Amino acid sequence: EDDRPVVVEREAKSISVEQTFETDITDRAVLE
């Protein structure tokens, strides 16, 4: 079930990625 249309997209201004952790992380080495 995927009804996304084909669209003529505008140029991207930025690219990003993020990760939510199952438990809060305090270890800087793990974060790096």
All heavy atoms as atom14 arrays in JSON, in Angstrom:
{
  "sequence": "EDDRPVVVEREAKSISVEQTFETDITDRAVLE",
  "atom14_mask": [
    [1, 1, 1, 1, 1, 1, 1, 1, 1, 0, 0, 0, 0, 0],
    [1, 1, 1, 1, 1, 1, 1, 1, 0, 0, 0, 0, 0, 0],
    [1, 1, 1, 1, 1, 1, 1, 1, 0, 0, 0, 0, 0, 0],
    [1, 1, 1, 1, 1, 1, 1, 1, 1, 1, 1, 0, 0, 0],
    [1, 1, 1, 1, 1, 1, 1, 0, 0, 0, 0, 0, 0, 0],
    [1, 1, 1, 1, 1, 1, 1, 0, 0, 0, 0, 0, 0, 0],
    [1, 1, 1, 1, 1, 1, 1, 0, 0, 0, 0, 0, 0, 0],
    [1, 1, 1, 1, 1, 1, 1, 0, 0, 0, 0, 0, 0, 0],
    [1, 1, 1, 1, 1, 1, 1, 1, 1, 0, 0, 0, 0, 0],
    [1, 1, 1, 1, 1, 1, 1, 1, 1, 1, 1, 0, 0, 0],
    [1, 1, 1, 1, 1, 1, 1, 1, 1, 0, 0, 0, 0, 0],
    [1, 1, 1, 1, 1, 0, 0, 0, 0, 0, 0, 0, 0, 0],
    [1, 1, 1, 1, 1, 1, 1, 1, 1, 0, 0, 0, 0, 0],
    [1, 1, 1, 1, 1, 1, 0, 0, 0, 0, 0, 0, 0, 0],
    [1, 1, 1, 1, 1, 1, 1, 1, 0, 0, 0, 0, 0, 0],
    [1, 1, 1, 1, 1, 1, 0, 0, 0, 0, 0, 0, 0, 0],
    [1, 1, 1, 1, 1, 1, 1, 0, 0, 0, 0, 0, 0, 0],
    [1, 1, 1, 1, 1, 1, 1, 1, 1, 0, 0, 0, 0, 0],
    [1, 1, 1, 1, 1, 1, 1, 1, 1, 0, 0, 0, 0, 0],
    [1, 1, 1, 1, 1, 1, 1, 0, 0, 0, 0, 0, 0, 0],
    [1, 1, 1, 1, 1, 1, 1, 1, 1, 1, 1, 0, 0, 0],
    [1, 1, 1, 1, 1, 1, 1, 1, 1, 0, 0, 0, 0, 0],
    [1, 1, 1, 1, 1, 1, 1, 0, 0, 0, 0, 0, 0, 0],
    [1, 1, 1, 1, 1, 1, 1, 1, 0, 0, 0, 0, 0, 0],
    [1, 1, 1, 1, 1, 1, 1, 1, 0, 0, 0, 0, 0, 0],
    [1, 1, 1, 1, 1, 1, 1, 0, 0, 0, 0, 0, 0, 0],
    [1, 1, 1, 1, 1, 1, 1, 1, 0, 0, 0, 0, 0, 0],
    [1, 1, 1, 1, 1, 1, 1, 1, 1, 1, 1, 0, 0, 0],
    [1, 1, 1, 1, 1, 0, 0, 0, 0, 0, 0, 0, 0, 0],
    [1, 1, 1, 1, 1, 1, 1, 0, 0, 0, 0, 0, 0, 0],
    [1, 1, 1, 1, 1, 1, 1, 1, 0, 0, 0, 0, 0, 0],
    [1, 1, 1, 1, 1, 1, 1, 1, 1, 0, 0, 0, 0, 0]
  ],
  "atom14_positions": [
    [[0.85, -1.19, 0.0], [0.0, 0.0, 0.0], [0.89, 1.24, 0.0], [1.41, 1.65, 1.03], [-0.92, -0.02, 1.21], [-1.9, -1.19, 1.23], [-2.69, -1.27, 2.53], [-2.56, -0.35, 3.37], [-3.41, -2.26, 2.71], [0.0, 0.0, 0.0], [0.0, 0.0, 0.0], [0.0, 0.0, 0.0], [0.0, 0.0, 0.0], [0.0, 0.0, 0.0]],
    [[1.06, 1.82, -1.15], [1.94, 2.97, -1.31], [1.32, 3.88, -2.37], [1.38, 3.58, -3.57], [3.34, 2.51, -1.74], [4.27, 3.68, -2.06], [3.97, 4.81, -1.64], [5.29, 3.44, -2.72], [0.0, 0.0, 0.0], [0.0, 0.0, 0.0], [0.0, 0.0, 0.0], [0.0, 0.0, 0.0], [0.0, 0.0, 0.0], [0.0, 0.0, 0.0]],
    [[0.72, 4.98, -1.94], [0.04, 5.86, -2.89], [0.8, 7.16, -3.13], [0.23, 8.15, -3.6], [-1.38, 6.17, -2.42], [-1.4, 6.85, -1.05], [-0.31, 7.09, -0.49], [-2.51, 7.12, -0.54], [0.0, 0.0, 0.0], [0.0, 0.0, 0.0], [0.0, 0.0, 0.0], [0.0, 0.0, 0.0], [0.0, 0.0, 0.0], [0.0, 0.0, 0.0]],
    [[2.1, 7.17, -2.84], [2.88, 8.38, -3.07], [2.87, 8.74, -4.56], [3.14, 7.88, -5.41], [4.33, 8.19, -2.63], [4.54, 8.05, -1.14], [5.98, 7.68, -0.84], [6.33, 6.39, -1.41], [7.56, 6.05, -1.79], [8.55, 6.91, -1.71], [7.78, 4.84, -2.27], [0.0, 0.0, 0.0], [0.0, 0.0, 0.0], [0.0, 0.0, 0.0]],
    [[2.61, 9.99, -4.89], [2.62, 10.39, -6.31], [4.05, 10.69, -6.79], [4.96, 10.92, -5.99], [1.78, 11.68, -6.31], [2.07, 12.28, -4.95], [2.2, 11.09, -4.0], [0.0, 0.0, 0.0], [0.0, 0.0, 0.0], [0.0, 0.0, 0.0], [0.0, 0.0, 0.0], [0.0, 0.0, 0.0], [0.0, 0.0, 0.0], [0.0, 0.0, 0.0]],
    [[4.22, 10.66, -8.08], [5.46, 11.13, -8.69], [5.37, 12.65, -8.78], [4.42, 13.2, -9.34], [5.65, 10.53, -10.1], [6.87, 11.14, -10.78], [5.78, 9.02, -10.01], [0.0, 0.0, 0.0], [0.0, 0.0, 0.0], [0.0, 0.0, 0.0], [0.0, 0.0, 0.0], [0.0, 0.0, 0.0], [0.0, 0.0, 0.0], [0.0, 0.0, 0.0]],
    [[6.34, 13.33, -8.2], [6.32, 14.79, -8.18], [7.65, 15.33, -8.67], [8.69, 14.7, -8.5], [6.04, 15.34, -6.76], [4.64, 14.95, -6.3], [7.08, 14.85, -5.77], [0.0, 0.0, 0.0], [0.0, 0.0, 0.0], [0.0, 0.0, 0.0], [0.0, 0.0, 0.0], [0.0, 0.0, 0.0], [0.0, 0.0, 0.0], [0.0, 0.0, 0.0]],
    [[7.61, 16.46, -9.3], [8.83, 17.14, -9.73], [9.33, 17.92, -8.53], [8.79, 18.97, -8.19], [8.56, 18.08, -10.93], [9.86, 18.75, -11.37], [7.94, 17.3, -12.07], [0.0, 0.0, 0.0], [0.0, 0.0, 0.0], [0.0, 0.0, 0.0], [0.0, 0.0, 0.0], [0.0, 0.0, 0.0], [0.0, 0.0, 0.0], [0.0, 0.0, 0.0]],
    [[10.35, 17.37, -7.86], [10.8, 17.94, -6.61], [11.69, 19.14, -6.82], [12.45, 19.23, -7.78], [11.55, 16.89, -5.79], [10.67, 15.74, -5.34], [11.41, 14.79, -4.44], [12.65, 14.7, -4.57], [10.77, 14.13, -3.61], [0.0, 0.0, 0.0], [0.0, 0.0, 0.0], [0.0, 0.0, 0.0], [0.0, 0.0, 0.0], [0.0, 0.0, 0.0]],
    [[11.61, 20.06, -5.85], [12.53, 21.19, -5.84], [13.88, 20.75, -5.29], [13.98, 19.75, -4.59], [11.96, 22.32, -4.99], [10.82, 23.06, -5.65], [10.25, 24.12, -4.76], [9.42, 23.52, -3.72], [8.73, 24.23, -2.83], [8.78, 25.54, -2.86], [8.0, 23.63, -1.92], [0.0, 0.0, 0.0], [0.0, 0.0, 0.0], [0.0, 0.0, 0.0]],
    [[14.88, 21.54, -5.58], [16.24, 21.2, -5.16], [16.33, 21.14, -3.63], [15.81, 22.0, -2.93], [17.22, 22.25, -5.69], [18.67, 21.96, -5.37], [19.59, 23.01, -5.94], [19.09, 23.99, -6.49], [20.81, 22.84, -5.81], [0.0, 0.0, 0.0], [0.0, 0.0, 0.0], [0.0, 0.0, 0.0], [0.0, 0.0, 0.0], [0.0, 0.0, 0.0]],
    [[16.98, 20.11, -3.13], [17.13, 19.96, -1.69], [18.02, 21.06, -1.11], [19.01, 21.45, -1.71], [17.74, 18.6, -1.37], [0.0, 0.0, 0.0], [0.0, 0.0, 0.0], [0.0, 0.0, 0.0], [0.0, 0.0, 0.0], [0.0, 0.0, 0.0], [0.0, 0.0, 0.0], [0.0, 0.0, 0.0], [0.0, 0.0, 0.0], [0.0, 0.0, 0.0]],
    [[17.62, 21.57, 0.05], [18.4, 22.59, 0.73], [19.33, 21.99, 1.77], [20.34, 22.57, 2.13], [17.47, 23.6, 1.42], [16.46, 24.26, 0.5], [17.12, 25.13, -0.55], [16.05, 25.83, -1.39], [16.62, 26.59, -2.51], [0.0, 0.0, 0.0], [0.0, 0.0, 0.0], [0.0, 0.0, 0.0], [0.0, 0.0, 0.0], [0.0, 0.0, 0.0]],
    [[18.96, 20.81, 2.28], [19.77, 20.16, 3.31], [19.47, 18.66, 3.3], [18.47, 18.22, 2.74], [19.47, 20.76, 4.69], [18.12, 20.51, 5.05], [0.0, 0.0, 0.0], [0.0, 0.0, 0.0], [0.0, 0.0, 0.0], [0.0, 0.0, 0.0], [0.0, 0.0, 0.0], [0.0, 0.0, 0.0], [0.0, 0.0, 0.0], [0.0, 0.0, 0.0]],
    [[20.36, 17.91, 3.94], [20.19, 16.47, 4.1], [20.55, 16.14, 5.54], [21.55, 16.62, 6.06], [21.12, 15.68, 3.15], [20.86, 16.07, 1.69], [20.92, 14.18, 3.33], [21.85, 15.44, 0.72], [0.0, 0.0, 0.0], [0.0, 0.0, 0.0], [0.0, 0.0, 0.0], [0.0, 0.0, 0.0], [0.0, 0.0, 0.0], [0.0, 0.0, 0.0]],
    [[19.73, 15.33, 6.19], [20.02, 14.99, 7.58], [19.56, 13.58, 7.9], [18.75, 12.99, 7.18], [19.34, 15.99, 8.53], [17.94, 15.93, 8.39], [0.0, 0.0, 0.0], [0.0, 0.0, 0.0], [0.0, 0.0, 0.0], [0.0, 0.0, 0.0], [0.0, 0.0, 0.0], [0.0, 0.0, 0.0], [0.0, 0.0, 0.0], [0.0, 0.0, 0.0]],
    [[20.08, 13.06, 8.99], [19.69, 11.74, 9.48], [19.74, 11.81, 11.0], [20.55, 12.54, 11.58], [20.63, 10.65, 8.93], [22.05, 10.86, 9.41], [20.14, 9.27, 9.33], [0.0, 0.0, 0.0], [0.0, 0.0, 0.0], [0.0, 0.0, 0.0], [0.0, 0.0, 0.0], [0.0, 0.0, 0.0], [0.0, 0.0, 0.0], [0.0, 0.0, 0.0]],
    [[18.85, 11.08, 11.66], [18.88, 11.06, 13.11], [18.51, 9.67, 13.6], [17.87, 8.89, 12.9], [17.96, 12.11, 13.7], [16.52, 12.02, 13.28], [15.7, 13.21, 13.77], [16.2, 14.35, 13.74], [14.54, 12.99, 14.18], [0.0, 0.0, 0.0], [0.0, 0.0, 0.0], [0.0, 0.0, 0.0], [0.0, 0.0, 0.0], [0.0, 0.0, 0.0]],
    [[18.93, 9.37, 14.83], [18.7, 8.06, 15.42], [18.15, 8.24, 16.84], [18.72, 8.97, 17.65], [20.0, 7.26, 15.48], [19.88, 5.91, 16.14], [19.02, 4.95, 15.33], [19.18, 4.83, 14.13], [18.11, 4.26, 15.99], [0.0, 0.0, 0.0], [0.0, 0.0, 0.0], [0.0, 0.0, 0.0], [0.0, 0.0, 0.0], [0.0, 0.0, 0.0]],
    [[17.01, 7.6, 17.12], [16.45, 7.57, 18.46], [16.87, 6.26, 19.13], [16.7, 5.19, 18.56], [14.91, 7.68, 18.42], [14.55, 8.91, 17.78], [14.34, 7.66, 19.83], [0.0, 0.0, 0.0], [0.0, 0.0, 0.0], [0.0, 0.0, 0.0], [0.0, 0.0, 0.0], [0.0, 0.0, 0.0], [0.0, 0.0, 0.0], [0.0, 0.0, 0.0]],
    [[17.4, 6.37, 20.34], [17.94, 5.2, 21.05], [16.87, 4.6, 21.97], [16.02, 5.31, 22.51], [19.17, 5.59, 21.86], [20.2, 6.34, 21.06], [20.55, 7.64, 21.39], [20.8, 5.75, 19.96], [21.49, 8.34, 20.65], [21.73, 6.44, 19.21], [22.08, 7.74, 19.55], [0.0, 0.0, 0.0], [0.0, 0.0, 0.0], [0.0, 0.0, 0.0]],
    [[16.96, 3.3, 22.18], [16.01, 2.63, 23.07], [16.21, 3.07, 24.51], [15.25, 3.16, 25.28], [16.16, 1.12, 22.94], [15.73, 0.56, 21.59], [15.74, -0.95, 21.57], [15.87, -1.56, 22.65], [15.62, -1.52, 20.48], [0.0, 0.0, 0.0], [0.0, 0.0, 0.0], [0.0, 0.0, 0.0], [0.0, 0.0, 0.0], [0.0, 0.0, 0.0]],
    [[17.46, 3.32, 24.91], [17.76, 3.86, 26.24], [18.69, 5.05, 26.07], [19.46, 5.13, 25.12], [18.44, 2.79, 27.13], [19.66, 2.35, 26.49], [17.53, 1.59, 27.32], [0.0, 0.0, 0.0], [0.0, 0.0, 0.0], [0.0, 0.0, 0.0], [0.0, 0.0, 0.0], [0.0, 0.0, 0.0], [0.0, 0.0, 0.0], [0.0, 0.0, 0.0]],
    [[18.61, 6.0, 26.99], [19.45, 7.19, 26.91], [20.92, 6.81, 26.98], [21.31, 5.93, 27.76], [19.11, 8.16, 28.04], [17.69, 8.7, 27.94], [17.05, 8.45, 26.9], [17.24, 9.38, 28.87], [0.0, 0.0, 0.0], [0.0, 0.0, 0.0], [0.0, 0.0, 0.0], [0.0, 0.0, 0.0], [0.0, 0.0, 0.0], [0.0, 0.0, 0.0]],
    [[21.74, 7.47, 26.17], [23.17, 7.15, 26.07], [24.0, 8.29, 26.65], [23.81, 9.47, 26.27], [23.57, 6.87, 24.62], [22.85, 5.62, 24.1], [25.08, 6.71, 24.49], [23.15, 5.28, 22.66], [0.0, 0.0, 0.0], [0.0, 0.0, 0.0], [0.0, 0.0, 0.0], [0.0, 0.0, 0.0], [0.0, 0.0, 0.0], [0.0, 0.0, 0.0]],
    [[24.91, 7.95, 27.53], [25.83, 8.94, 28.11], [27.26, 8.73, 27.66], [28.11, 9.6, 27.87], [25.78, 8.87, 29.65], [26.16, 7.55, 30.06], [24.38, 9.17, 30.17], [0.0, 0.0, 0.0], [0.0, 0.0, 0.0], [0.0, 0.0, 0.0], [0.0, 0.0, 0.0], [0.0, 0.0, 0.0], [0.0, 0.0, 0.0], [0.0, 0.0, 0.0]],
    [[27.56, 7.59, 27.06], [28.92, 7.24, 26.65], [29.27, 7.99, 25.37], [28.7, 7.73, 24.3], [29.02, 5.74, 26.43], [30.45, 5.26, 26.21], [31.26, 6.05, 25.65], [30.75, 4.11, 26.56], [0.0, 0.0, 0.0], [0.0, 0.0, 0.0], [0.0, 0.0, 0.0], [0.0, 0.0, 0.0], [0.0, 0.0, 0.0], [0.0, 0.0, 0.0]],
    [[30.19, 8.91, 25.47], [30.55, 9.74, 24.31], [31.15, 8.89, 23.18], [30.94, 9.17, 22.0], [31.52, 10.84, 24.71], [31.75, 11.9, 23.64], [32.6, 13.05, 24.16], [31.91, 13.8, 25.18], [31.06, 14.8, 24.93], [30.79, 15.13, 23.66], [30.49, 15.46, 25.91], [0.0, 0.0, 0.0], [0.0, 0.0, 0.0], [0.0, 0.0, 0.0]],
    [[31.86, 7.83, 23.52], [32.45, 6.97, 22.48], [31.35, 6.3, 21.67], [31.46, 6.15, 20.45], [33.37, 5.93, 23.11], [0.0, 0.0, 0.0], [0.0, 0.0, 0.0], [0.0, 0.0, 0.0], [0.0, 0.0, 0.0], [0.0, 0.0, 0.0], [0.0, 0.0, 0.0], [0.0, 0.0, 0.0], [0.0, 0.0, 0.0], [0.0, 0.0, 0.0]],
    [[30.28, 5.86, 22.34], [29.17, 5.24, 21.63], [28.5, 6.27, 20.72], [28.17, 5.99, 19.56], [28.15, 4.66, 22.63], [26.89, 4.19, 21.9], [28.77, 3.52, 23.41], [0.0, 0.0, 0.0], [0.0, 0.0, 0.0], [0.0, 0.0, 0.0], [0.0, 0.0, 0.0], [0.0, 0.0, 0.0], [0.0, 0.0, 0.0], [0.0, 0.0, 0.0]],
    [[28.32, 7.48, 21.22], [27.7, 8.54, 20.41], [28.57, 8.88, 19.2], [28.05, 9.1, 18.1], [27.47, 9.78, 21.27], [26.44, 9.62, 22.4], [26.48, 10.82, 23.33], [25.05, 9.41, 21.83], [0.0, 0.0, 0.0], [0.0, 0.0, 0.0], [0.0, 0.0, 0.0], [0.0, 0.0, 0.0], [0.0, 0.0, 0.0], [0.0, 0.0, 0.0]],
    [[29.88, 8.9, 19.39], [30.75, 9.18, 18.25], [30.72, 8.04, 17.24], [30.86, 8.27, 16.03], [32.18, 9.44, 18.74], [32.31, 10.76, 19.49], [33.75, 11.11, 19.82], [34.63, 10.25, 19.58], [33.99, 12.23, 20.31], [0.0, 0.0, 0.0], [0.0, 0.0, 0.0], [0.0, 0.0, 0.0], [0.0, 0.0, 0.0], [0.0, 0.0, 0.0]]
  ]
}
